[in-house]
Amino acid sequence: MKTIFDKSTYEEINQRLNVLSPETKAQWGVMNAPQMLAHCFEGLKIATGEVKRPRIFIGRILGPLFKNDFLNDKPMKKNSPTDAAFVITDKREFNTEKEKLTGALKRFYDGGEKGATTHPHFFFGNLTQQEYGVLVYKHLDHHLKQFGA
């Protein structure tokens, strides 16, 4: 199972991020490239503990049922549901969003597993720091595939 804390996986994600441009089109979904970068940055803030959202009711019920689907080797499904707090619809500047995401990703990687939050995930509940590393990788992988990277 890939984790963002593995050096080669981290480097792979960065290489794929560098393929993107402001004009890169999504193969599915409604976000453009800058919005996707902002969306991924917001998700990363959960993993770092910068943002600590309380558990949501539906997550308490469904989170345990879906947790393993998001922590295995199978890619995330296209058009997977997105919590409203992570929907980015306003105009974003590509280079600014890329810089924010890559900077936060580097800090997360450099901090290692111990730098991941121990705060429960708002949907999945308790995750280990290792599981946060897997989830960050899968989320980025999903959206990079969305943009053909």
Protein backbone atom coordinates (compact mmCIF):
# COMPACT_ATOMS: atom_id res chain seq x y z
CA MET A 1 0.00 0.00 0.00
CA LYS A 2 1.47 3.36 -1.01
CA THR A 3 1.94 6.11 1.52
CA ILE A 4 3.02 9.71 1.02
CA PHE A 5 5.68 9.10 3.68
CA ASP A 6 7.62 6.82 1.30
CA LYS A 7 10.31 8.83 -0.53
CA SER A 8 9.66 7.36 -3.97
CA THR A 9 5.90 7.85 -3.59
CA TYR A 10 6.36 11.45 -2.47
CA GLU A 11 8.66 12.10 -5.46
CA GLU A 12 6.18 10.43 -7.83
CA ILE A 13 3.39 12.73 -6.62
CA ASN A 14 5.59 15.79 -7.06
CA GLN A 15 6.54 14.74 -10.59
CA ARG A 16 2.87 14.29 -11.43
CA LEU A 17 2.01 17.69 -9.93
CA ASN A 18 4.69 19.24 -12.15
CA VAL A 19 2.94 17.89 -15.27
CA LEU A 20 -0.11 20.03 -14.55
CA SER A 21 -0.67 23.46 -16.04
CA PRO A 22 -3.47 26.01 -15.67
CA GLU A 23 -4.92 24.67 -18.92
CA THR A 24 -4.93 20.98 -17.93
CA LYS A 25 -8.50 19.72 -18.33
CA ALA A 26 -10.27 17.30 -16.02
CA GLN A 27 -11.29 13.94 -17.45
CA TRP A 28 -14.28 13.90 -15.10
CA GLY A 29 -15.84 16.16 -12.50
CA VAL A 30 -16.39 19.91 -12.48
CA MET A 31 -13.22 21.38 -10.96
CA ASN A 32 -10.53 23.03 -13.01
CA ALA A 33 -6.84 22.48 -12.21
CA PRO A 34 -6.41 25.40 -9.76
CA GLN A 35 -9.59 24.40 -7.91
CA MET A 36 -8.37 20.80 -7.66
CA LEU A 37 -5.07 21.96 -6.17
CA ALA A 38 -6.95 24.08 -3.62
CA HIS A 39 -9.25 21.15 -2.83
CA CYS A 40 -6.27 18.86 -2.20
CA PHE A 41 -4.62 21.50 -0.02
CA GLU A 42 -7.78 21.72 2.12
CA GLY A 43 -7.77 17.93 2.52
CA LEU A 44 -4.12 17.94 3.51
CA LYS A 45 -4.89 20.45 6.29
CA ILE A 46 -7.06 17.75 7.89
CA ALA A 47 -4.18 15.23 7.82
CA THR A 48 -1.72 17.70 9.34
CA GLY A 49 -4.14 18.69 12.08
CA GLU A 50 -4.11 22.31 10.95
CA VAL A 51 -7.88 21.96 10.62
CA LYS A 52 -9.70 19.82 13.17
CA ARG A 53 -13.26 19.23 12.09
CA PRO A 54 -15.68 17.49 14.43
CA ARG A 55 -17.07 14.10 13.45
CA ILE A 56 -20.11 14.39 11.23
CA PHE A 57 -23.21 12.34 11.93
CA ILE A 58 -23.23 10.47 8.61
CA GLY A 59 -19.55 9.65 9.11
CA ARG A 60 -20.27 8.08 12.48
CA ILE A 61 -22.67 5.73 10.71
CA LEU A 62 -21.01 5.15 7.33
CA GLY A 63 -17.36 5.98 8.07
CA PRO A 64 -16.48 2.57 9.55
CA LEU A 65 -18.15 0.83 6.59
CA PHE A 66 -16.16 2.78 3.98
CA LYS A 67 -12.87 3.28 5.83
CA ASN A 68 -11.24 0.14 4.40
CA ASP A 69 -12.35 1.08 0.86
CA PHE A 70 -10.27 4.24 1.17
CA LEU A 71 -7.27 2.59 2.81
CA ASN A 72 -6.66 -0.28 0.39
CA ASP A 73 -4.77 -0.50 -2.90
CA LYS A 74 -7.83 0.05 -5.09
CA PRO A 75 -8.05 3.52 -6.65
CA MET A 76 -10.83 5.83 -5.51
CA LYS A 77 -13.90 5.83 -7.73
CA LYS A 78 -14.51 8.65 -10.18
CA ASN A 79 -16.97 11.24 -8.90
CA SER A 80 -16.66 10.04 -5.32
CA PRO A 81 -18.76 12.20 -3.01
CA THR A 82 -17.09 15.31 -1.59
CA ASP A 83 -17.96 16.96 1.70
CA ALA A 84 -19.34 20.46 1.04
CA ALA A 85 -16.51 22.02 3.06
CA PHE A 86 -14.05 20.82 0.39
CA VAL A 87 -15.97 21.91 -2.69
CA ILE A 88 -14.03 24.72 -4.37
CA THR A 89 -16.10 26.73 -6.84
CA ASP A 90 -14.49 30.17 -6.84
CA LYS A 91 -11.74 31.28 -9.20
CA ARG A 92 -8.23 30.31 -8.06
CA GLU A 93 -4.77 31.15 -9.37
CA PHE A 94 -2.89 28.04 -10.49
CA ASN A 95 0.64 28.92 -9.36
CA THR A 96 -0.53 30.14 -5.94
CA GLU A 97 -2.54 26.98 -5.32
CA LYS A 98 0.24 24.72 -6.56
CA GLU A 99 2.76 26.46 -4.31
CA LYS A 100 0.46 26.14 -1.28
CA LEU A 101 -0.15 22.43 -1.92
CA THR A 102 3.46 21.48 -2.69
CA GLY A 103 4.74 23.45 0.30
CA ALA A 104 2.28 21.81 2.68
CA LEU A 105 2.97 18.41 1.16
CA LYS A 106 6.72 18.84 1.67
CA ARG A 107 6.21 19.83 5.32
CA PHE A 108 3.94 16.81 5.82
CA TYR A 109 6.46 14.46 4.20
CA ASP A 110 9.40 16.00 6.07
CA GLY A 111 7.54 15.62 9.37
CA GLY A 112 7.08 11.91 8.78
CA GLU A 113 4.31 9.85 10.29
CA LYS A 114 4.72 11.54 13.66
CA GLY A 115 3.72 14.80 11.97
CA ALA A 116 0.29 13.47 11.01
CA THR A 117 -2.58 14.36 13.28
CA THR A 118 -3.99 12.02 15.88
CA HIS A 119 -7.29 13.91 15.76
CA PRO A 120 -10.13 11.69 14.47
CA HIS A 121 -11.02 12.18 10.81
CA PHE A 122 -14.35 13.96 10.45
CA PHE A 123 -15.81 11.07 8.40
CA PHE A 124 -13.71 7.95 9.05
CA GLY A 125 -13.08 8.51 12.76
CA ASN A 126 -9.88 7.27 14.32
CA LEU A 127 -7.03 6.86 11.84
CA THR A 128 -3.46 5.98 12.65
CA GLN A 129 -0.77 8.34 11.48
CA GLN A 130 0.22 5.66 8.95
CA GLU A 131 -3.36 5.58 7.65
CA TYR A 132 -3.28 9.35 7.18
CA GLY A 133 -0.20 8.84 4.97
CA VAL A 134 -2.11 6.34 2.84
CA LEU A 135 -5.19 8.55 2.66
CA VAL A 136 -3.18 11.59 1.57
CA TYR A 137 -1.53 9.56 -1.19
CA LYS A 138 -4.83 8.07 -2.41
CA HIS A 139 -6.56 11.45 -2.45
CA LEU A 140 -3.75 13.08 -4.43
CA ASP A 141 -3.48 10.07 -6.76
CA HIS A 142 -7.22 10.22 -7.43
CA HIS A 143 -7.18 13.89 -8.39
CA LEU A 144 -3.99 13.67 -10.41
CA LYS A 145 -5.60 10.84 -12.42
CA GLN A 146 -8.63 13.09 -12.80
CA PHE A 147 -6.34 15.52 -14.64
CA GLY A 148 -4.45 12.88 -16.59
CA ALA A 149 -1.27 13.20 -14.52
